[in-house]
Amino acid sequence: MRPEDSDPARLWDITRWGERLARLLAGVSWDEYQANEEKQIAVERCIEVIGEAARHLSDSFKHQHADIPWREIVQQRNVIAHGYYRLEHQRLWHVATVEVPKLIARLTPLLSEPPPNPTDTE
């Protein structure tokens, strides 16, 4: 297995995209989000990437951390990728402002040294 395909790398991906999501929505109200198509598209992308990274975590890792709703995280990604015509932005807002921050808080203690990320501009 290549190092970039490992569980630690996927955890870092989830965390980095969750942090991007937090920065994107910092100080943004529901009304502002609802009126801003660019924010909506960016939120969709962040949640989609988080779900894709979660989808690639090993089954053993997911089993060890069965208290995290991996299935729901991946299903939300699938809705964005394949059911884009039925997106519920109020649900995405909740995921972005409530569920992702809780997920990041739970994953942060599990992080190892970050893998190199040449595309990361942070």
N, C-alpha and C. Protein backbone atom coordinates (compact mmCIF):
# COMPACT_ATOMS: atom_id res chain seq x y z
N MET A 1 0.85 -1.18 0.00
CA MET A 1 0.00 0.00 0.00
C MET A 1 0.90 1.24 0.00
N ARG A 2 0.60 2.18 -0.88
CA ARG A 2 1.35 3.43 -0.92
C ARG A 2 1.03 4.24 0.34
N PRO A 3 1.99 4.99 0.87
CA PRO A 3 1.73 5.78 2.09
C PRO A 3 0.56 6.73 1.94
N GLU A 4 0.37 7.34 0.77
CA GLU A 4 -0.73 8.28 0.61
C GLU A 4 -2.10 7.60 0.61
N ASP A 5 -2.10 6.27 0.54
CA ASP A 5 -3.36 5.53 0.58
C ASP A 5 -3.65 4.98 1.97
N SER A 6 -2.83 5.31 2.93
CA SER A 6 -2.98 4.75 4.26
C SER A 6 -4.06 5.47 5.06
N ASP A 7 -4.49 4.83 6.11
CA ASP A 7 -5.48 5.44 7.00
C ASP A 7 -5.02 6.78 7.56
N PRO A 8 -3.77 6.90 8.03
CA PRO A 8 -3.35 8.22 8.53
C PRO A 8 -3.47 9.33 7.48
N ALA A 9 -3.12 9.02 6.24
CA ALA A 9 -3.24 10.03 5.18
C ALA A 9 -4.70 10.41 4.96
N ARG A 10 -5.58 9.43 5.01
CA ARG A 10 -7.01 9.72 4.84
C ARG A 10 -7.54 10.56 6.00
N LEU A 11 -7.08 10.27 7.21
CA LEU A 11 -7.50 11.07 8.35
C LEU A 11 -7.05 12.52 8.19
N TRP A 12 -5.84 12.71 7.70
CA TRP A 12 -5.36 14.06 7.46
C TRP A 12 -6.19 14.73 6.38
N ASP A 13 -6.55 14.01 5.34
CA ASP A 13 -7.41 14.58 4.30
C ASP A 13 -8.74 15.05 4.89
N ILE A 14 -9.35 14.20 5.68
CA ILE A 14 -10.63 14.55 6.31
C ILE A 14 -10.47 15.80 7.16
N THR A 15 -9.42 15.83 7.97
CA THR A 15 -9.19 16.95 8.87
C THR A 15 -8.91 18.24 8.10
N ARG A 16 -8.06 18.16 7.10
CA ARG A 16 -7.74 19.36 6.31
C ARG A 16 -8.97 19.94 5.63
N TRP A 17 -9.78 19.08 5.04
CA TRP A 17 -10.99 19.57 4.36
C TRP A 17 -12.02 20.06 5.37
N GLY A 18 -12.06 19.45 6.54
CA GLY A 18 -12.93 19.96 7.59
C GLY A 18 -12.51 21.34 8.07
N GLU A 19 -11.21 21.55 8.17
CA GLU A 19 -10.69 22.86 8.56
C GLU A 19 -10.98 23.90 7.48
N ARG A 20 -10.85 23.51 6.22
CA ARG A 20 -11.21 24.41 5.12
C ARG A 20 -12.67 24.81 5.21
N LEU A 21 -13.48 23.84 5.50
CA LEU A 21 -14.92 24.08 5.63
C LEU A 21 -15.19 25.08 6.76
N ALA A 22 -14.52 24.91 7.87
CA ALA A 22 -14.70 25.83 9.00
C ALA A 22 -14.28 27.26 8.61
N ARG A 23 -13.15 27.38 7.92
CA ARG A 23 -12.71 28.71 7.48
C ARG A 23 -13.71 29.32 6.49
N LEU A 24 -14.20 28.51 5.61
CA LEU A 24 -15.15 28.96 4.58
C LEU A 24 -16.42 29.53 5.20
N LEU A 25 -16.87 28.94 6.30
CA LEU A 25 -18.13 29.35 6.91
C LEU A 25 -17.97 30.22 8.14
N ALA A 26 -16.75 30.55 8.50
CA ALA A 26 -16.52 31.40 9.68
C ALA A 26 -17.26 32.72 9.51
N GLY A 27 -18.13 33.01 10.46
CA GLY A 27 -18.87 34.26 10.45
C GLY A 27 -20.00 34.33 9.45
N VAL A 28 -20.31 33.23 8.79
CA VAL A 28 -21.38 33.19 7.78
C VAL A 28 -22.67 32.70 8.44
N SER A 29 -23.74 33.42 8.23
CA SER A 29 -25.05 33.00 8.76
C SER A 29 -25.75 32.09 7.74
N TRP A 30 -26.79 31.43 8.23
CA TRP A 30 -27.61 30.60 7.35
C TRP A 30 -28.15 31.42 6.18
N ASP A 31 -28.64 32.61 6.46
CA ASP A 31 -29.19 33.45 5.39
C ASP A 31 -28.12 33.82 4.36
N GLU A 32 -26.93 34.14 4.84
CA GLU A 32 -25.83 34.46 3.91
C GLU A 32 -25.45 33.24 3.07
N TYR A 33 -25.38 32.09 3.72
CA TYR A 33 -25.08 30.84 3.01
C TYR A 33 -26.15 30.57 1.95
N GLN A 34 -27.37 30.69 2.32
CA GLN A 34 -28.49 30.40 1.43
C GLN A 34 -28.47 31.31 0.19
N ALA A 35 -27.99 32.53 0.35
CA ALA A 35 -27.97 33.50 -0.74
C ALA A 35 -26.68 33.45 -1.57
N ASN A 36 -25.74 32.60 -1.18
CA ASN A 36 -24.43 32.60 -1.83
C ASN A 36 -24.17 31.25 -2.50
N GLU A 37 -24.40 31.19 -3.79
CA GLU A 37 -24.22 29.95 -4.53
C GLU A 37 -22.78 29.44 -4.48
N GLU A 38 -21.82 30.33 -4.49
CA GLU A 38 -20.42 29.91 -4.42
C GLU A 38 -20.11 29.21 -3.10
N LYS A 39 -20.64 29.75 -2.00
CA LYS A 39 -20.44 29.10 -0.70
C LYS A 39 -21.08 27.71 -0.72
N GLN A 40 -22.29 27.62 -1.28
CA GLN A 40 -22.98 26.34 -1.33
C GLN A 40 -22.16 25.30 -2.10
N ILE A 41 -21.63 25.70 -3.23
CA ILE A 41 -20.83 24.78 -4.04
C ILE A 41 -19.56 24.38 -3.30
N ALA A 42 -18.92 25.33 -2.63
CA ALA A 42 -17.70 25.02 -1.88
C ALA A 42 -17.99 24.07 -0.72
N VAL A 43 -19.11 24.28 -0.03
CA VAL A 43 -19.51 23.38 1.06
C VAL A 43 -19.74 21.98 0.51
N GLU A 44 -20.45 21.89 -0.59
CA GLU A 44 -20.69 20.58 -1.21
C GLU A 44 -19.36 19.87 -1.49
N ARG A 45 -18.41 20.60 -2.06
CA ARG A 45 -17.12 20.00 -2.40
C ARG A 45 -16.38 19.51 -1.15
N CYS A 46 -16.34 20.33 -0.13
CA CYS A 46 -15.64 19.93 1.10
C CYS A 46 -16.26 18.66 1.69
N ILE A 47 -17.58 18.62 1.77
CA ILE A 47 -18.25 17.46 2.33
C ILE A 47 -18.06 16.24 1.44
N GLU A 48 -18.05 16.45 0.14
CA GLU A 48 -17.82 15.35 -0.79
C GLU A 48 -16.43 14.74 -0.59
N VAL A 49 -15.41 15.58 -0.46
CA VAL A 49 -14.04 15.08 -0.28
C VAL A 49 -13.90 14.36 1.06
N ILE A 50 -14.51 14.91 2.10
CA ILE A 50 -14.48 14.24 3.41
C ILE A 50 -15.09 12.85 3.29
N GLY A 51 -16.22 12.74 2.61
CA GLY A 51 -16.86 11.44 2.43
C GLY A 51 -16.04 10.49 1.60
N GLU A 52 -15.38 11.01 0.58
CA GLU A 52 -14.53 10.16 -0.27
C GLU A 52 -13.34 9.64 0.52
N ALA A 53 -12.72 10.49 1.32
CA ALA A 53 -11.60 10.03 2.15
C ALA A 53 -12.08 8.99 3.16
N ALA A 54 -13.24 9.20 3.75
CA ALA A 54 -13.79 8.24 4.70
C ALA A 54 -14.08 6.91 4.02
N ARG A 55 -14.53 6.97 2.79
CA ARG A 55 -14.85 5.75 2.03
C ARG A 55 -13.61 4.88 1.85
N HIS A 56 -12.44 5.52 1.77
CA HIS A 56 -11.20 4.78 1.53
C HIS A 56 -10.46 4.36 2.79
N LEU A 57 -11.00 4.68 3.95
CA LEU A 57 -10.40 4.17 5.19
C LEU A 57 -10.56 2.66 5.22
N SER A 58 -9.64 1.99 5.83
CA SER A 58 -9.71 0.53 5.90
C SER A 58 -10.90 0.09 6.77
N ASP A 59 -11.41 -1.08 6.46
CA ASP A 59 -12.51 -1.63 7.26
C ASP A 59 -12.07 -1.83 8.71
N SER A 60 -10.82 -2.23 8.91
CA SER A 60 -10.36 -2.46 10.29
C SER A 60 -10.34 -1.14 11.07
N PHE A 61 -9.92 -0.05 10.43
CA PHE A 61 -9.93 1.24 11.12
C PHE A 61 -11.36 1.65 11.45
N LYS A 62 -12.25 1.51 10.50
CA LYS A 62 -13.65 1.87 10.74
C LYS A 62 -14.25 1.02 11.86
N HIS A 63 -13.88 -0.24 11.89
CA HIS A 63 -14.38 -1.13 12.95
C HIS A 63 -13.82 -0.71 14.32
N GLN A 64 -12.56 -0.32 14.37
CA GLN A 64 -11.95 0.14 15.62
C GLN A 64 -12.60 1.43 16.14
N HIS A 65 -13.17 2.19 15.22
CA HIS A 65 -13.80 3.47 15.57
C HIS A 65 -15.26 3.46 15.11
N ALA A 66 -15.93 2.40 15.52
CA ALA A 66 -17.32 2.18 15.08
C ALA A 66 -18.29 3.21 15.65
N ASP A 67 -17.85 3.98 16.62
CA ASP A 67 -18.71 5.03 17.19
C ASP A 67 -18.84 6.24 16.25
N ILE A 68 -18.00 6.30 15.23
CA ILE A 68 -18.08 7.36 14.23
C ILE A 68 -19.00 6.87 13.11
N PRO A 69 -19.93 7.69 12.66
CA PRO A 69 -20.92 7.24 11.67
C PRO A 69 -20.35 7.21 10.24
N TRP A 70 -19.41 6.31 9.98
CA TRP A 70 -18.74 6.24 8.68
C TRP A 70 -19.74 6.05 7.54
N ARG A 71 -20.69 5.19 7.74
CA ARG A 71 -21.66 4.90 6.68
C ARG A 71 -22.41 6.17 6.26
N GLU A 72 -22.85 6.95 7.24
CA GLU A 72 -23.58 8.18 6.96
C GLU A 72 -22.69 9.21 6.27
N ILE A 73 -21.43 9.27 6.67
CA ILE A 73 -20.48 10.20 6.06
C ILE A 73 -20.31 9.86 4.58
N VAL A 74 -20.13 8.59 4.29
CA VAL A 74 -19.97 8.16 2.90
C VAL A 74 -21.28 8.33 2.13
N GLN A 75 -22.40 8.04 2.76
CA GLN A 75 -23.69 8.21 2.08
C GLN A 75 -23.93 9.67 1.72
N GLN A 76 -23.53 10.60 2.58
CA GLN A 76 -23.70 12.01 2.25
C GLN A 76 -22.86 12.36 1.03
N ARG A 77 -21.67 11.81 0.96
CA ARG A 77 -20.83 12.01 -0.23
C ARG A 77 -21.53 11.48 -1.47
N ASN A 78 -22.14 10.32 -1.36
CA ASN A 78 -22.82 9.72 -2.51
C ASN A 78 -24.00 10.56 -2.97
N VAL A 79 -24.71 11.13 -2.04
CA VAL A 79 -25.84 12.00 -2.41
C VAL A 79 -25.32 13.21 -3.19
N ILE A 80 -24.22 13.79 -2.73
CA ILE A 80 -23.66 14.95 -3.42
C ILE A 80 -23.18 14.55 -4.82
N ALA A 81 -22.48 13.43 -4.91
CA ALA A 81 -21.89 13.02 -6.18
C ALA A 81 -22.92 12.48 -7.17
N HIS A 82 -23.92 11.76 -6.67
CA HIS A 82 -24.85 11.08 -7.59
C HIS A 82 -26.28 11.58 -7.50
N GLY A 83 -26.63 12.21 -6.39
CA GLY A 83 -28.00 12.69 -6.22
C GLY A 83 -28.04 14.19 -6.14
N TYR A 84 -27.11 14.83 -6.84
CA TYR A 84 -26.97 16.28 -6.79
C TYR A 84 -28.27 17.03 -7.03
N TYR A 85 -29.18 16.44 -7.77
CA TYR A 85 -30.45 17.08 -8.11
C TYR A 85 -31.41 17.13 -6.92
N ARG A 86 -31.09 16.44 -5.87
CA ARG A 86 -31.96 16.43 -4.70
C ARG A 86 -31.26 16.89 -3.42
N LEU A 87 -30.26 17.73 -3.57
CA LEU A 87 -29.53 18.23 -2.40
C LEU A 87 -30.44 19.11 -1.55
N GLU A 88 -30.30 18.92 -0.27
CA GLU A 88 -31.03 19.73 0.71
C GLU A 88 -30.00 20.61 1.40
N HIS A 89 -30.01 21.89 1.06
CA HIS A 89 -28.97 22.77 1.60
C HIS A 89 -29.10 22.99 3.09
N GLN A 90 -30.28 22.86 3.63
CA GLN A 90 -30.41 22.97 5.08
C GLN A 90 -29.68 21.80 5.75
N ARG A 91 -29.77 20.62 5.15
CA ARG A 91 -29.06 19.44 5.67
C ARG A 91 -27.55 19.64 5.53
N LEU A 92 -27.11 20.13 4.38
CA LEU A 92 -25.68 20.36 4.19
C LEU A 92 -25.15 21.40 5.17
N TRP A 93 -25.95 22.43 5.44
CA TRP A 93 -25.57 23.44 6.43
C TRP A 93 -25.37 22.79 7.79
N HIS A 94 -26.29 21.93 8.18
CA HIS A 94 -26.17 21.24 9.47
C HIS A 94 -24.91 20.36 9.49
N VAL A 95 -24.70 19.61 8.44
CA VAL A 95 -23.51 18.76 8.37
C VAL A 95 -22.25 19.62 8.50
N ALA A 96 -22.21 20.72 7.75
CA ALA A 96 -21.02 21.57 7.72
C ALA A 96 -20.77 22.29 9.03
N THR A 97 -21.82 22.71 9.71
CA THR A 97 -21.65 23.55 10.90
C THR A 97 -21.73 22.78 12.21
N VAL A 98 -22.28 21.57 12.19
CA VAL A 98 -22.43 20.79 13.41
C VAL A 98 -21.66 19.46 13.33
N GLU A 99 -21.97 18.67 12.32
CA GLU A 99 -21.42 17.31 12.26
C GLU A 99 -19.93 17.27 11.91
N VAL A 100 -19.51 18.05 10.94
CA VAL A 100 -18.08 18.04 10.57
C VAL A 100 -17.20 18.55 11.71
N PRO A 101 -17.55 19.65 12.37
CA PRO A 101 -16.71 20.04 13.52
C PRO A 101 -16.61 18.95 14.60
N LYS A 102 -17.72 18.24 14.87
CA LYS A 102 -17.66 17.14 15.85
C LYS A 102 -16.75 16.03 15.34
N LEU A 103 -16.83 15.72 14.04
CA LEU A 103 -15.98 14.69 13.46
C LEU A 103 -14.50 15.08 13.58
N ILE A 104 -14.18 16.31 13.25
CA ILE A 104 -12.79 16.76 13.31
C ILE A 104 -12.28 16.70 14.75
N ALA A 105 -13.11 17.08 15.70
CA ALA A 105 -12.71 17.01 17.11
C ALA A 105 -12.42 15.57 17.53
N ARG A 106 -13.16 14.63 16.98
CA ARG A 106 -12.94 13.21 17.33
C ARG A 106 -11.72 12.63 16.63
N LEU A 107 -11.42 13.12 15.43
CA LEU A 107 -10.30 12.57 14.68
C LEU A 107 -8.96 13.20 15.05
N THR A 108 -8.96 14.42 15.49
CA THR A 108 -7.71 15.13 15.77
C THR A 108 -6.79 14.34 16.72
N PRO A 109 -7.30 13.75 17.80
CA PRO A 109 -6.39 12.99 18.67
C PRO A 109 -5.80 11.74 18.00
N LEU A 110 -6.37 11.31 16.89
CA LEU A 110 -5.90 10.10 16.20
C LEU A 110 -4.84 10.41 15.15
N LEU A 111 -4.58 11.68 14.90
CA LEU A 111 -3.67 12.06 13.82
C LEU A 111 -2.22 11.79 14.18
N SER A 112 -1.48 11.34 13.19
CA SER A 112 -0.04 11.18 13.31
C SER A 112 0.61 12.37 12.62
N GLU A 113 1.88 12.27 12.33
CA GLU A 113 2.56 13.33 11.58
C GLU A 113 1.88 13.48 10.22
N PRO A 114 1.68 14.72 9.78
CA PRO A 114 1.01 14.90 8.49
C PRO A 114 1.86 14.40 7.33
N PRO A 115 1.22 13.79 6.34
CA PRO A 115 1.96 13.38 5.16
C PRO A 115 2.28 14.62 4.32
N PRO A 116 3.27 14.54 3.46
CA PRO A 116 3.55 15.68 2.59
C PRO A 116 2.34 15.96 1.71
N ASN A 117 2.03 17.22 1.53
CA ASN A 117 0.88 17.59 0.71
C ASN A 117 1.30 18.76 -0.17
N PRO A 118 1.85 18.48 -1.35
CA PRO A 118 2.38 19.55 -2.19
C PRO A 118 1.30 20.49 -2.70
N THR A 119 0.04 20.09 -2.70
CA THR A 119 -1.03 20.96 -3.20
C THR A 119 -1.67 21.77 -2.08
N ASP A 120 -1.25 21.54 -0.87
CA ASP A 120 -1.82 22.27 0.27
C ASP A 120 -1.23 23.66 0.32
N THR A 121 -2.09 24.68 0.27
CA THR A 121 -1.61 26.06 0.26
C THR A 121 -1.73 26.72 1.62
N GLU A 122 -1.96 25.97 2.64
CA GLU A 122 -2.14 26.54 3.98
C GLU A 122 -0.81 26.85 4.62
